[in-house]
Amino acid sequence: MWASEMEILFLFIIFFVLSGILFYFKKNILPKIKGALGENKVTTKLRRLNKKEYIVFNNILLKKGNSTTQIDHIVVCQGGIFVIETKNYKGWIHGHQNSEYWMQTIYNYRKKFRNPIKQNWVHVFAIKKLLSEFGHIRYFPIIVFSGNAELKNVTSRIPVIYRNQLLRTIKKMNERENLSFDQVKLISDILEQHKIIEKKANKKHIKYIKESVRTRKKMERQKICPKCGNDLILRKGKYGEFYGCENYPNCTFSLNL
C-alpha cells in the first residue's frame, strides 16, 4: 500500500513539474520562437533587394538614452530609411493607428497586443536622434505581418501589409531620391558603428522590456496614464466607452474597456 501511494505521489510531482515547464515554454520561449521565425521570413524577403541600391540591417540593437531599442529591420536607400516592424500572428487582426492595443481573434479566443505602429515610432525616433545631423532624411515606418493573419479591421495611414507586399511597397515608396549614394553609405556606417552585439546587452534589453511592460500594466490597472502620469477618466466615444487621459489633447493615450 505504501509503495502504491509513493508511486502516485511521484507521478503527481512529475505531472506538476512537466506542467510548469510547459507553461514556462508557452509563455516565455514559444513567443520568441514565433517572433524569430517571422523575422527570418522577412529577412529572406529583403535579401531579394538589389544590394547596390539597398543596405539592409536585420534584428539590430541600438542605444537609446540609458536604455536600448531592438529594431527588426532597417533598409537604407536613396529614397530614405525604411523602419520595419514584423509581427508573426494568425487569426484576425483588428486595430486603429491611434489605439494603445490591437486585438487578435481566433474564433472565441481574443488577445490584446501593443499597437505595432506606436512600437515602431519609438524605433523611428531612436534612429532620428542617432542621425540628427541628417535633418532632411525621409522615414518610412512599415508594419509587416509575416504569419497567416488576416488584417480584418485595420485602420492606418502607415502601411500595415502582408509579407508578400513588402518589396513592392519599398520600391514604390523609393521612387523619389532623397539622399545621395555617399549619404546612404555614411548613414549605414553610422548605424553599423552604433550597433550593439554583446549578449549581455541583449539580456539587459529583454529585462528592460519586461519591467516596462509590468510597470505599464500596473499603471493601467490603477487608472494612471503610463505616458504622462495623469489620471485616466471614463469617456464616451464613437465606438463606446473608453478610458482617456485627463491631459487630452496634450496626451492622446486611451484604454479600451
Protein backbone atom coordinates (compact mmCIF):
# COMPACT_ATOMS: atom_id res chain seq x y z
CA MET A 1 0.00 0.00 0.00
CA TRP A 2 2.80 2.39 0.98
CA ALA A 3 4.58 1.70 -2.31
CA SER A 4 1.44 2.50 -4.32
CA GLU A 5 0.96 5.83 -2.51
CA MET A 6 4.59 6.75 -3.16
CA GLU A 7 4.18 5.93 -6.84
CA ILE A 8 1.06 8.10 -7.06
CA LEU A 9 2.83 10.96 -5.27
CA PHE A 10 5.80 10.62 -7.61
CA LEU A 11 3.51 10.75 -10.65
CA PHE A 12 1.82 13.90 -9.28
CA ILE A 13 5.20 15.55 -8.81
CA ILE A 14 6.24 14.62 -12.35
CA PHE A 15 2.91 15.97 -13.66
CA PHE A 16 3.28 19.34 -11.89
CA VAL A 17 6.91 19.70 -12.95
CA LEU A 18 6.06 18.97 -16.59
CA SER A 19 3.05 21.33 -16.41
CA GLY A 20 5.30 24.09 -15.07
CA ILE A 21 7.86 23.51 -17.82
CA LEU A 22 5.11 23.56 -20.47
CA PHE A 23 3.62 26.78 -19.03
CA TYR A 24 7.03 28.48 -18.99
CA PHE A 25 7.72 27.31 -22.56
CA LYS A 26 4.39 28.62 -23.87
CA LYS A 27 4.68 31.95 -22.06
CA ASN A 28 8.38 32.77 -22.49
CA ILE A 29 10.02 30.58 -25.13
CA LEU A 30 7.32 29.99 -27.77
CA PRO A 31 6.62 33.71 -28.45
CA LYS A 32 10.35 34.28 -29.02
CA ILE A 33 10.50 31.35 -31.44
CA LYS A 34 7.46 32.62 -33.33
CA GLY A 35 8.90 36.14 -33.45
CA ALA A 36 12.27 34.89 -34.71
CA LEU A 37 10.59 32.79 -37.40
CA GLY A 38 8.57 35.79 -38.57
CA GLU A 39 11.67 38.00 -38.70
CA ASN A 40 13.59 35.33 -40.64
CA LYS A 41 10.83 35.18 -43.24
CA VAL A 42 11.05 38.94 -43.75
CA THR A 43 14.87 38.81 -43.74
CA THR A 44 14.70 36.23 -46.55
CA LYS A 45 12.36 38.51 -48.48
CA LEU A 46 14.64 41.54 -48.02
CA ARG A 47 17.63 39.60 -49.42
CA ARG A 48 15.99 39.94 -52.83
CA LEU A 49 16.58 43.70 -52.82
CA ASN A 50 19.43 44.91 -55.01
CA LYS A 51 22.47 45.25 -52.73
CA LYS A 52 23.78 48.11 -54.86
CA GLU A 53 20.65 50.16 -54.12
CA TYR A 54 19.58 48.98 -50.66
CA ILE A 55 21.55 48.39 -47.45
CA VAL A 56 19.67 46.15 -45.01
CA PHE A 57 20.05 45.69 -41.25
CA ASN A 58 18.20 42.82 -39.55
CA ASN A 59 17.50 42.44 -35.82
CA ILE A 60 19.62 45.43 -34.83
CA LEU A 61 20.01 46.64 -31.23
CA LEU A 62 20.73 50.36 -30.83
CA LYS A 63 21.45 52.55 -27.81
CA LYS A 64 18.53 54.82 -26.81
CA GLY A 65 19.48 57.12 -23.95
CA ASN A 66 20.09 54.97 -20.88
CA SER A 67 18.31 52.01 -22.46
CA THR A 68 18.30 50.20 -25.80
CA THR A 69 15.82 49.59 -28.60
CA GLN A 70 15.60 46.48 -30.79
CA ILE A 71 14.57 47.07 -34.40
CA ASP A 72 13.51 44.15 -36.59
CA HIS A 73 14.67 45.58 -39.94
CA ILE A 74 16.14 48.81 -41.30
CA VAL A 75 16.52 49.45 -45.03
CA VAL A 76 18.64 52.43 -46.11
CA CYS A 77 18.39 53.66 -49.69
CA GLN A 78 18.39 56.90 -51.68
CA GLY A 79 14.67 57.33 -51.07
CA GLY A 80 15.20 57.39 -47.28
CA ILE A 81 15.10 54.94 -44.38
CA PHE A 82 12.53 52.17 -44.03
CA VAL A 83 11.92 51.06 -40.43
CA ILE A 84 10.12 47.72 -40.42
CA GLU A 85 8.31 46.06 -37.51
CA THR A 86 7.50 42.38 -38.05
CA LYS A 87 4.60 40.51 -36.42
CA ASN A 88 4.11 36.75 -36.77
CA TYR A 89 0.42 36.19 -35.95
CA LYS A 90 -2.50 34.12 -37.12
CA GLY A 91 -6.24 34.76 -36.94
CA TRP A 92 -7.98 38.09 -37.50
CA ILE A 93 -6.21 41.34 -36.63
CA HIS A 94 -8.16 44.45 -35.58
CA GLY A 95 -6.66 47.83 -34.76
CA HIS A 96 -6.51 51.58 -35.27
CA GLN A 97 -3.29 53.55 -35.63
CA ASN A 98 -4.07 55.67 -32.52
CA SER A 99 -5.14 52.81 -30.22
CA GLU A 100 -2.79 51.64 -27.47
CA TYR A 101 -3.64 47.99 -28.12
CA TRP A 102 -4.72 45.90 -31.08
CA MET A 103 -6.72 42.68 -30.95
CA GLN A 104 -6.06 39.19 -32.29
CA THR A 105 -9.12 36.93 -32.59
CA ILE A 106 -9.20 33.20 -33.41
CA TYR A 107 -12.82 32.03 -33.15
CA ASN A 108 -13.72 32.74 -29.47
CA TYR A 109 -10.09 33.38 -28.45
CA ARG A 110 -9.13 37.05 -28.08
CA LYS A 111 -5.77 38.52 -27.17
CA LYS A 112 -4.57 42.11 -26.88
CA PHE A 113 -1.12 43.18 -28.06
CA ARG A 114 0.67 46.52 -28.17
CA ASN A 115 -0.09 48.70 -31.16
CA PRO A 116 2.83 47.87 -33.53
CA ILE A 117 2.61 51.30 -35.16
CA LYS A 118 3.35 53.04 -31.85
CA GLN A 119 6.06 50.48 -31.13
CA ASN A 120 7.67 51.27 -34.45
CA TRP A 121 7.54 55.05 -33.93
CA VAL A 122 9.80 54.55 -30.89
CA HIS A 123 12.30 52.92 -33.27
CA VAL A 124 11.98 55.75 -35.79
CA PHE A 125 12.62 58.40 -33.12
CA ALA A 126 15.67 56.47 -31.86
CA ILE A 127 17.15 56.43 -35.38
CA LYS A 128 16.27 60.11 -35.91
CA LYS A 129 18.14 61.04 -32.74
CA LEU A 130 21.14 58.99 -33.82
CA LEU A 131 21.12 60.66 -37.26
CA SER A 132 20.17 64.15 -36.07
CA GLU A 133 22.79 65.76 -38.31
CA PHE A 134 20.82 64.50 -41.34
CA GLY A 135 17.71 66.59 -40.83
CA HIS A 136 16.37 66.03 -44.33
CA ILE A 137 16.02 62.22 -44.22
CA ARG A 138 12.63 60.76 -45.13
CA TYR A 139 11.48 57.95 -42.82
CA PHE A 140 9.07 55.20 -43.84
CA PRO A 141 7.66 53.11 -40.96
CA ILE A 142 6.11 49.84 -42.16
CA ILE A 143 4.32 47.07 -40.23
CA VAL A 144 4.60 43.61 -41.80
CA PHE A 145 2.51 40.60 -40.78
CA SER A 146 4.52 37.56 -41.78
CA GLY A 147 2.25 34.77 -40.45
CA ASN A 148 -1.19 33.62 -41.56
CA ALA A 149 -3.03 36.57 -40.03
CA GLU A 150 -5.83 38.33 -41.88
CA LEU A 151 -5.93 42.11 -41.49
CA LYS A 152 -9.64 42.19 -40.94
CA ASN A 153 -10.24 45.63 -39.47
CA VAL A 154 -7.06 47.72 -39.50
CA THR A 155 -7.19 51.50 -39.99
CA SER A 156 -3.86 53.24 -40.59
CA ARG A 157 -2.20 55.84 -42.79
CA ILE A 158 1.10 54.00 -42.24
CA PRO A 159 1.45 50.83 -44.36
CA VAL A 160 0.27 47.72 -42.50
CA ILE A 161 0.85 44.95 -45.01
CA TYR A 162 1.45 41.25 -45.64
CA ARG A 163 4.93 39.87 -46.24
CA ASN A 164 4.35 39.31 -49.96
CA GLN A 165 3.61 43.05 -50.36
CA LEU A 166 6.83 44.24 -48.73
CA LEU A 167 9.24 44.54 -51.66
CA ARG A 168 6.63 46.15 -53.87
CA THR A 169 5.83 48.68 -51.14
CA ILE A 170 9.50 49.57 -50.59
CA LYS A 171 10.23 50.01 -54.30
CA LYS A 172 7.13 52.15 -54.81
CA MET A 173 8.00 54.45 -51.87
CA ASN A 174 11.63 54.65 -53.03
CA GLU A 175 10.77 56.24 -56.36
CA ARG A 176 11.85 59.77 -55.32
CA GLU A 177 15.52 60.16 -54.36
CA ASN A 178 16.17 61.96 -51.08
CA LEU A 179 19.81 61.00 -50.38
CA SER A 180 22.95 60.70 -52.44
CA PHE A 181 24.71 57.35 -52.66
CA ASP A 182 27.52 58.70 -50.46
CA GLN A 183 24.99 59.75 -47.81
CA VAL A 184 23.41 56.29 -47.89
CA LYS A 185 26.83 54.76 -47.27
CA LEU A 186 27.62 57.24 -44.47
CA ILE A 187 24.29 56.62 -42.72
CA SER A 188 24.82 52.85 -42.95
CA ASP A 189 28.30 53.22 -41.46
CA ILE A 190 26.89 55.22 -38.52
CA LEU A 191 24.24 52.56 -37.85
CA GLU A 192 26.90 49.85 -38.03
CA GLN A 193 29.12 51.73 -35.56
CA HIS A 194 26.29 52.15 -33.03
CA LYS A 195 25.05 48.58 -33.31
CA ILE A 196 25.29 46.64 -30.04
CA ILE A 197 26.23 42.98 -30.35
CA GLU A 198 27.16 41.95 -26.79
CA LYS A 199 25.00 39.16 -25.36
CA LYS A 200 24.81 40.99 -22.01
CA ALA A 201 23.24 43.98 -23.75
CA ASN A 202 20.57 41.75 -25.32
CA LYS A 203 19.72 40.21 -21.94
CA LYS A 204 19.59 43.67 -20.37
CA HIS A 205 17.30 44.87 -23.16
CA ILE A 206 14.90 41.94 -22.62
CA LYS A 207 14.88 42.62 -18.86
CA TYR A 208 14.16 46.32 -19.51
CA ILE A 209 11.24 45.45 -21.82
CA LYS A 210 9.70 43.07 -19.26
CA GLU A 211 10.00 45.65 -16.47
CA SER A 212 8.47 48.33 -18.71
CA VAL A 213 5.51 46.06 -19.56
CA ARG A 214 4.90 45.25 -15.88
CA THR A 215 5.05 48.93 -14.91
CA ARG A 216 2.73 49.89 -17.75
CA LYS A 217 0.10 47.25 -16.86
CA LYS A 218 0.23 48.23 -13.17
CA MET A 219 -0.40 51.90 -14.03
CA GLU A 220 -3.27 50.94 -16.35
CA ARG A 221 -4.89 48.86 -13.59
CA GLN A 222 -4.61 51.86 -11.27
CA LYS A 223 -6.14 54.06 -14.00
CA ILE A 224 -2.98 56.15 -14.30
CA CYS A 225 -1.76 57.22 -17.73
CA PRO A 226 1.54 55.38 -18.44
CA LYS A 227 2.62 58.12 -20.85
CA CYS A 228 2.30 61.26 -18.70
CA GLY A 229 1.24 60.11 -15.21
CA ASN A 230 -2.14 61.88 -15.14
CA ASP A 231 -5.40 60.13 -14.24
CA LEU A 232 -7.37 58.08 -16.75
CA ILE A 233 -11.03 59.09 -16.81
CA LEU A 234 -14.03 57.36 -18.34
CA ARG A 235 -15.09 58.92 -21.63
CA LYS A 236 -17.65 58.20 -24.34
CA GLY A 237 -16.57 57.98 -27.97
CA LYS A 238 -17.87 56.99 -31.36
CA TYR A 239 -17.35 53.28 -30.62
CA GLY A 240 -18.45 53.27 -26.96
CA GLU A 241 -16.86 53.98 -23.59
CA PHE A 242 -13.12 54.07 -23.02
CA TYR A 243 -10.56 55.45 -20.58
CA GLY A 244 -8.72 58.54 -21.79
CA CYS A 245 -6.03 60.71 -20.26
CA GLU A 246 -7.34 63.79 -18.45
CA ASN A 247 -4.46 65.70 -20.07
CA TYR A 248 -6.08 65.34 -23.53
CA PRO A 249 -5.36 66.77 -26.14
CA ASN A 250 -1.76 67.14 -24.94
CA CYS A 251 -1.74 63.40 -24.25
CA THR A 252 -3.76 61.08 -26.51
CA PHE A 253 -3.38 57.86 -24.50
CA SER A 254 -6.57 55.77 -24.44
CA LEU A 255 -7.51 52.40 -22.99
CA ASN A 256 -10.42 50.34 -24.26
CA LEU A 257 -12.83 48.80 -21.80
